[in-house]
PDB file of N, CA and C in Angstrom:
ATOM      1  N   MET A   1      -6.373 -21.760   8.794  1.00  0.00           N
ATOM      2  CA  MET A   1      -6.349 -20.409   9.299  1.00  0.00           C
ATOM      3  C   MET A   1      -6.506 -20.444  10.813  1.00  0.00           C
ATOM      4  N   ASP A   2      -5.587 -19.770  11.495  1.00  0.00           N
ATOM      5  CA  ASP A   2      -5.618 -19.702  12.951  1.00  0.00           C
ATOM      6  C   ASP A   2      -6.620 -18.632  13.381  1.00  0.00           C
ATOM      7  N   LYS A   3      -7.634 -19.034  14.127  1.00  0.00           N
ATOM      8  CA  LYS A   3      -8.647 -18.078  14.579  1.00  0.00           C
ATOM      9  C   LYS A   3      -8.562 -17.866  16.081  1.00  0.00           C
ATOM     10  N   THR A   4      -7.356 -17.931  16.609  1.00  0.00           N
ATOM     11  CA  THR A   4      -7.136 -17.715  18.029  1.00  0.00           C
ATOM     12  C   THR A   4      -7.339 -16.250  18.365  1.00  0.00           C
ATOM     13  N   ILE A   5      -8.058 -16.003  19.431  1.00  0.00           N
ATOM     14  CA  ILE A   5      -8.281 -14.632  19.890  1.00  0.00           C
ATOM     15  C   ILE A   5      -7.359 -14.395  21.076  1.00  0.00           C
ATOM     16  N   ARG A   6      -6.610 -13.312  21.003  1.00  0.00           N
ATOM     17  CA  ARG A   6      -5.695 -12.960  22.088  1.00  0.00           C
ATOM     18  C   ARG A   6      -6.143 -11.639  22.701  1.00  0.00           C
ATOM     19  N   ARG A   7      -6.173 -11.607  23.996  1.00  0.00           N
ATOM     20  CA  ARG A   7      -6.530 -10.371  24.695  1.00  0.00           C
ATOM     21  C   ARG A   7      -5.241  -9.621  25.004  1.00  0.00           C
ATOM     22  N   VAL A   8      -5.187  -8.383  24.537  1.00  0.00           N
ATOM     23  CA  VAL A   8      -3.993  -7.564  24.721  1.00  0.00           C
ATOM     24  C   VAL A   8      -4.412  -6.301  25.463  1.00  0.00           C
ATOM     25  N   THR A   9      -3.688  -5.989  26.545  1.00  0.00           N
ATOM     26  CA  THR A   9      -4.038  -4.818  27.343  1.00  0.00           C
ATOM     27  C   THR A   9      -2.987  -3.718  27.265  1.00  0.00           C
ATOM     28  N   ASP A  10      -1.841  -4.020  26.709  1.00  0.00           N
ATOM     29  CA  ASP A  10      -0.739  -3.068  26.656  1.00  0.00           C
ATOM     30  C   ASP A  10      -0.441  -2.732  25.195  1.00  0.00           C
ATOM     31  N   LEU A  11      -0.205  -1.454  24.898  1.00  0.00           N
ATOM     32  CA  LEU A  11       0.080  -1.034  23.525  1.00  0.00           C
ATOM     33  C   LEU A  11       1.325  -1.726  22.971  1.00  0.00           C
ATOM     34  N   GLU A  12       2.366  -1.808  23.779  1.00  0.00           N
ATOM     35  CA  GLU A  12       3.601  -2.452  23.318  1.00  0.00           C
ATOM     36  C   GLU A  12       3.364  -3.930  23.014  1.00  0.00           C
ATOM     37  N   GLU A  13       2.577  -4.580  23.843  1.00  0.00           N
ATOM     38  CA  GLU A  13       2.245  -5.993  23.618  1.00  0.00           C
ATOM     39  C   GLU A  13       1.430  -6.148  22.329  1.00  0.00           C
ATOM     40  N   GLN A  14       0.541  -5.190  22.072  1.00  0.00           N
ATOM     41  CA  GLN A  14      -0.252  -5.218  20.844  1.00  0.00           C
ATOM     42  C   GLN A  14       0.647  -5.089  19.620  1.00  0.00           C
ATOM     43  N   GLN A  15       1.627  -4.193  19.686  1.00  0.00           N
ATOM     44  CA  GLN A  15       2.546  -4.024  18.564  1.00  0.00           C
ATOM     45  C   GLN A  15       3.355  -5.293  18.327  1.00  0.00           C
ATOM     46  N   VAL A  16       3.770  -5.954  19.403  1.00  0.00           N
ATOM     47  CA  VAL A  16       4.515  -7.210  19.273  1.00  0.00           C
ATOM     48  C   VAL A  16       3.636  -8.279  18.634  1.00  0.00           C
ATOM     49  N   GLU A  17       2.382  -8.359  19.069  1.00  0.00           N
ATOM     50  CA  GLU A  17       1.451  -9.346  18.490  1.00  0.00           C
ATOM     51  C   GLU A  17       1.205  -9.065  17.015  1.00  0.00           C
ATOM     52  N   THR A  18       1.034  -7.788  16.657  1.00  0.00           N
ATOM     53  CA  THR A  18       0.813  -7.426  15.258  1.00  0.00           C
ATOM     54  C   THR A  18       2.022  -7.809  14.415  1.00  0.00           C
ATOM     55  N   TYR A  19       3.215  -7.488  14.898  1.00  0.00           N
ATOM     56  CA  TYR A  19       4.450  -7.828  14.187  1.00  0.00           C
ATOM     57  C   TYR A  19       4.563  -9.348  14.033  1.00  0.00           C
ATOM     58  N   ARG A  20       4.292 -10.068  15.105  1.00  0.00           N
ATOM     59  CA  ARG A  20       4.379 -11.539  15.067  1.00  0.00           C
ATOM     60  C   ARG A  20       3.392 -12.109  14.045  1.00  0.00           C
ATOM     61  N   TYR A  21       2.192 -11.548  14.002  1.00  0.00           N
ATOM     62  CA  TYR A  21       1.195 -12.031  13.040  1.00  0.00           C
ATOM     63  C   TYR A  21       1.676 -11.848  11.607  1.00  0.00           C
ATOM     64  N   TRP A  22       2.121 -10.621  11.273  1.00  0.00           N
ATOM     65  CA  TRP A  22       2.522 -10.366   9.888  1.00  0.00           C
ATOM     66  C   TRP A  22       3.774 -11.138   9.505  1.00  0.00           C
ATOM     67  N   GLN A  23       4.651 -11.394  10.446  1.00  0.00           N
ATOM     68  CA  GLN A  23       5.828 -12.204  10.143  1.00  0.00           C
ATOM     69  C   GLN A  23       5.451 -13.659   9.900  1.00  0.00           C
ATOM     70  N   SER A  24       4.318 -14.087  10.430  1.00  0.00           N
ATOM     71  CA  SER A  24       3.878 -15.473  10.223  1.00  0.00           C
ATOM     72  C   SER A  24       3.227 -15.668   8.857  1.00  0.00           C
ATOM     73  N   ARG A  25       2.854 -14.583   8.190  1.00  0.00           N
ATOM     74  CA  ARG A  25       2.199 -14.674   6.883  1.00  0.00           C
ATOM     75  C   ARG A  25       3.254 -14.777   5.787  1.00  0.00           C
ATOM     76  N   PRO A  26       2.943 -15.465   4.681  1.00  0.00           N
ATOM     77  CA  PRO A  26       3.889 -15.544   3.562  1.00  0.00           C
ATOM     78  C   PRO A  26       4.129 -14.156   2.949  1.00  0.00           C
ATOM     79  N   ALA A  27       5.288 -13.992   2.337  1.00  0.00           N
ATOM     80  CA  ALA A  27       5.666 -12.694   1.765  1.00  0.00           C
ATOM     81  C   ALA A  27       4.637 -12.215   0.739  1.00  0.00           C
ATOM     82  N   ALA A  28       4.122 -13.121  -0.078  1.00  0.00           N
ATOM     83  CA  ALA A  28       3.144 -12.732  -1.096  1.00  0.00           C
ATOM     84  C   ALA A  28       1.871 -12.170  -0.457  1.00  0.00           C
ATOM     85  N   GLU A  29       1.444 -12.762   0.646  1.00  0.00           N
ATOM     86  CA  GLU A  29       0.246 -12.273   1.328  1.00  0.00           C
ATOM     87  C   GLU A  29       0.495 -10.897   1.952  1.00  0.00           C
ATOM     88  N   ARG A  30       1.689 -10.685   2.506  1.00  0.00           N
ATOM     89  CA  ARG A  30       2.025  -9.372   3.074  1.00  0.00           C
ATOM     90  C   ARG A  30       2.066  -8.317   1.972  1.00  0.00           C
ATOM     91  N   PHE A  31       2.660  -8.662   0.836  1.00  0.00           N
ATOM     92  CA  PHE A  31       2.732  -7.726  -0.291  1.00  0.00           C
ATOM     93  C   PHE A  31       1.340  -7.361  -0.776  1.00  0.00           C
ATOM     94  N   LEU A  32       0.466  -8.353  -0.904  1.00  0.00           N
ATOM     95  CA  LEU A  32      -0.900  -8.103  -1.353  1.00  0.00           C
ATOM     96  C   LEU A  32      -1.645  -7.204  -0.367  1.00  0.00           C
ATOM     97  N   ALA A  33      -1.423  -7.400   0.921  1.00  0.00           N
ATOM     98  CA  ALA A  33      -2.079  -6.556   1.925  1.00  0.00           C
ATOM     99  C   ALA A  33      -1.627  -5.104   1.793  1.00  0.00           C
ATOM    100  N   VAL A  34      -0.339  -4.904   1.539  1.00  0.00           N
ATOM    101  CA  VAL A  34       0.170  -3.537   1.354  1.00  0.00           C
ATOM    102  C   VAL A  34      -0.430  -2.933   0.094  1.00  0.00           C
ATOM    103  N   TRP A  35      -0.497  -3.708  -0.980  1.00  0.00           N
ATOM    104  CA  TRP A  35      -1.059  -3.226  -2.246  1.00  0.00           C
ATOM    105  C   TRP A  35      -2.515  -2.789  -2.061  1.00  0.00           C
ATOM    106  N   GLU A  36      -3.312  -3.623  -1.400  1.00  0.00           N
ATOM    107  CA  GLU A  36      -4.725  -3.316  -1.201  1.00  0.00           C
ATOM    108  C   GLU A  36      -4.905  -2.084  -0.305  1.00  0.00           C
ATOM    109  N   THR A  37      -4.064  -1.963   0.719  1.00  0.00           N
ATOM    110  CA  THR A  37      -4.139  -0.803   1.603  1.00  0.00           C
ATOM    111  C   THR A  37      -3.772   0.472   0.856  1.00  0.00           C
ATOM    112  N   THR A  38      -2.754   0.392   0.003  1.00  0.00           N
ATOM    113  CA  THR A  38      -2.341   1.548  -0.787  1.00  0.00           C
ATOM    114  C   THR A  38      -3.446   1.972  -1.745  1.00  0.00           C
ATOM    115  N   ALA A  39      -4.052   1.013  -2.433  1.00  0.00           N
ATOM    116  CA  ALA A  39      -5.143   1.324  -3.364  1.00  0.00           C
ATOM    117  C   ALA A  39      -6.317   1.961  -2.619  1.00  0.00           C
ATOM    118  N   ALA A  40      -6.629   1.454  -1.430  1.00  0.00           N
ATOM    119  CA  ALA A  40      -7.728   2.018  -0.648  1.00  0.00           C
ATOM    120  C   ALA A  40      -7.407   3.439  -0.200  1.00  0.00           C
ATOM    121  N   ALA A  41      -6.150   3.683   0.172  1.00  0.00           N
ATOM    122  CA  ALA A  41      -5.758   5.030   0.602  1.00  0.00           C
ATOM    123  C   ALA A  41      -5.850   6.023  -0.552  1.00  0.00           C
ATOM    124  N   TYR A  42      -5.415   5.622  -1.750  1.00  0.00           N
ATOM    125  CA  TYR A  42      -5.521   6.514  -2.909  1.00  0.00           C
ATOM    126  C   TYR A  42      -6.985   6.782  -3.252  1.00  0.00           C
ATOM    127  N   ALA A  43      -7.827   5.769  -3.178  1.00  0.00           N
ATOM    128  CA  ALA A  43      -9.248   5.953  -3.469  1.00  0.00           C
ATOM    129  C   ALA A  43      -9.871   6.910  -2.456  1.00  0.00           C
ATOM    130  N   PHE A  44      -9.503   6.767  -1.207  1.00  0.00           N
ATOM    131  CA  PHE A  44     -10.020   7.635  -0.154  1.00  0.00           C
ATOM    132  C   PHE A  44      -9.581   9.077  -0.392  1.00  0.00           C
ATOM    133  N   ALA A  45      -8.305   9.281  -0.691  1.00  0.00           N
ATOM    134  CA  ALA A  45      -7.775  10.625  -0.930  1.00  0.00           C
ATOM    135  C   ALA A  45      -8.398  11.256  -2.168  1.00  0.00           C
ATOM    136  N   ASN A  46      -8.563  10.475  -3.226  1.00  0.00           N
ATOM    137  CA  ASN A  46      -9.154  11.009  -4.455  1.00  0.00           C
ATOM    138  C   ASN A  46     -10.606  11.404  -4.247  1.00  0.00           C
ATOM    139  N   GLY A  47     -11.304  10.740  -3.335  1.00  0.00           N
ATOM    140  CA  GLY A  47     -12.680  11.104  -3.029  1.00  0.00           C
ATOM    141  C   GLY A  47     -12.771  12.525  -2.485  1.00  0.00           C
ATOM    142  N   PHE A  48     -11.797  12.924  -1.685  1.00  0.00           N
ATOM    143  CA  PHE A  48     -11.777  14.283  -1.150  1.00  0.00           C
ATOM    144  C   PHE A  48     -11.431  15.306  -2.217  1.00  0.00           C
ATOM    145  N   LYS A  49     -10.635  14.918  -3.192  1.00  0.00           N
ATOM    146  CA  LYS A  49     -10.220  15.837  -4.251  1.00  0.00           C
ATOM    147  C   LYS A  49     -11.254  15.933  -5.369  1.00  0.00           C
ATOM    148  N   GLY A  50     -12.254  15.062  -5.343  1.00  0.00           N
ATOM    149  CA  GLY A  50     -13.257  15.058  -6.399  1.00  0.00           C
ATOM    150  C   GLY A  50     -12.770  14.385  -7.670  1.00  0.00           C
ATOM    151  N   GLU A  51     -11.717  13.616  -7.568  1.00  0.00           N
ATOM    152  CA  GLU A  51     -11.177  12.910  -8.732  1.00  0.00           C
ATOM    153  C   GLU A  51     -11.791  11.523  -8.805  1.00  0.00           C
ATOM    154  N   PRO A  52     -11.689  10.884  -9.964  1.00  0.00           N
ATOM    155  CA  PRO A  52     -12.214   9.522 -10.076  1.00  0.00           C
ATOM    156  C   PRO A  52     -11.464   8.583  -9.130  1.00  0.00           C
ATOM    157  N   HIS A  53     -12.102   7.489  -8.802  1.00  0.00           N
ATOM    158  CA  HIS A  53     -11.480   6.515  -7.906  1.00  0.00           C
ATOM    159  C   HIS A  53     -10.189   5.992  -8.494  1.00  0.00           C
ATOM    160  N   TYR A  54      -9.289   5.645  -7.620  1.00  0.00           N
ATOM    161  CA  TYR A  54      -7.982   5.112  -8.022  1.00  0.00           C
ATOM    162  C   TYR A  54      -8.172   3.774  -8.724  1.00  0.00           C
ATOM    163  N   ASP A  55      -7.553   3.634  -9.867  1.00  0.00           N
ATOM    164  CA  ASP A  55      -7.594   2.393 -10.620  1.00  0.00           C
ATOM    165  C   ASP A  55      -6.158   1.906 -10.779  1.00  0.00           C
ATOM    166  N   PRO A  56      -5.784   0.855 -10.030  1.00  0.00           N
ATOM    167  CA  PRO A  56      -4.394   0.411 -10.079  1.00  0.00           C
ATOM    168  C   PRO A  56      -3.957  -0.100 -11.443  1.00  0.00           C
ATOM    169  N   THR A  57      -4.912  -0.382 -12.337  1.00  0.00           N
ATOM    170  CA  THR A  57      -4.544  -0.870 -13.674  1.00  0.00           C
ATOM    171  C   THR A  57      -4.300   0.282 -14.637  1.00  0.00           C
ATOM    172  N   ARG A  58      -4.743   1.505 -14.240  1.00  0.00           N
ATOM    173  CA  ARG A  58      -4.544   2.675 -15.097  1.00  0.00           C
ATOM    174  C   ARG A  58      -3.114   3.164 -14.954  1.00  0.00           C
ATOM    175  N   ARG A  59      -2.512   3.502 -16.055  1.00  0.00           N
ATOM    176  CA  ARG A  59      -1.133   3.976 -16.020  1.00  0.00           C
ATOM    177  C   ARG A  59      -1.098   5.479 -16.286  1.00  0.00           C
ATOM    178  N   SER A  60      -0.067   6.107 -15.776  1.00  0.00           N
ATOM    179  CA  SER A  60       0.120   7.529 -16.028  1.00  0.00           C
ATOM    180  C   SER A  60       0.523   7.730 -17.480  1.00  0.00           C
ATOM    181  N   LYS A  61       0.225   8.919 -17.991  1.00  0.00           N
ATOM    182  CA  LYS A  61       0.649   9.240 -19.348  1.00  0.00           C
ATOM    183  C   LYS A  61       2.156   9.433 -19.359  1.00  0.00           C
ATOM    184  N   ALA A  62       2.792   8.811 -20.318  1.00  0.00           N
ATOM    185  CA  ALA A  62       4.244   8.941 -20.429  1.00  0.00           C
ATOM    186  C   ALA A  62       4.576  10.304 -21.034  1.00  0.00           C
ATOM    187  N   THR A  63       5.554  10.940 -20.477  1.00  0.00           N
ATOM    188  CA  THR A  63       6.002  12.223 -21.001  1.00  0.00           C
ATOM    189  C   THR A  63       7.446  12.067 -21.432  1.00  0.00           C
ATOM    190  N   LEU A  64       7.668  12.225 -22.713  1.00  0.00           N
ATOM    191  CA  LEU A  64       9.020  12.110 -23.243  1.00  0.00           C
ATOM    192  C   LEU A  64       9.409  13.413 -23.902  1.00  0.00           C
ATOM    193  N   LYS A  65      10.637  13.818 -23.700  1.00  0.00           N
ATOM    194  CA  LYS A  65      11.153  15.008 -24.350  1.00  0.00           C
ATOM    195  C   LYS A  65      12.537  14.694 -24.877  1.00  0.00           C
ATOM    196  N   ARG A  66      12.830  15.272 -26.022  1.00  0.00           N
ATOM    197  CA  ARG A  66      14.152  15.101 -26.598  1.00  0.00           C
ATOM    198  C   ARG A  66      14.848  16.451 -26.556  1.00  0.00           C
ATOM    199  N   VAL A  67      16.005  16.473 -25.963  1.00  0.00           N
ATOM    200  CA  VAL A  67      16.759  17.701 -25.838  1.00  0.00           C
ATOM    201  C   VAL A  67      18.065  17.535 -26.619  1.00  0.00           C
ATOM    202  N   GLU A  68      18.289  18.429 -27.554  1.00  0.00           N
ATOM    203  CA  GLU A  68      19.534  18.386 -28.310  1.00  0.00           C
ATOM    204  C   GLU A  68      20.458  19.476 -27.791  1.00  0.00           C
ATOM    205  N   ARG A  69      21.653  19.080 -27.459  1.00  0.00           N
ATOM    206  CA  ARG A  69      22.629  20.033 -26.969  1.00  0.00           C
ATOM    207  C   ARG A  69      23.493  20.519 -28.120  1.00  0.00           C
ATOM    208  N   ALA A  70      23.922  21.737 -28.030  1.00  0.00           N
ATOM    209  CA  ALA A  70      24.820  22.282 -29.048  1.00  0.00           C
ATOM    210  C   ALA A  70      26.172  21.581 -28.922  1.00  0.00           C
ATOM    211  N   ARG A  71      26.737  21.271 -30.051  1.00  0.00           N
ATOM    212  CA  ARG A  71      28.057  20.621 -30.030  1.00  0.00           C
ATOM    213  C   ARG A  71      29.134  21.663 -29.753  1.00  0.00           C
ATOM    214  N   SER A  72      30.085  21.283 -28.922  1.00  0.00           N
ATOM    215  CA  SER A  72      31.149  22.256 -28.634  1.00  0.00           C
ATOM    216  C   SER A  72      32.390  21.998 -29.444  1.00  0.00           C
TER     217      SER A  72
END
């Protein structure tokens, strides 16, 4: 693990450094970071709504309907 500290004084330079860092990580690690951030955002939002914490293993209830059309 690279623990190099870089001093950045410009916003554009910071964005370039951030992009360079994430491009250096394997795709699986980037995907996992997005997944964890998404789960944290849902948990945060649900806290304001008074709903239970987000559980990524919980699935939505499936809703199925059968519609029969009249034959012409």
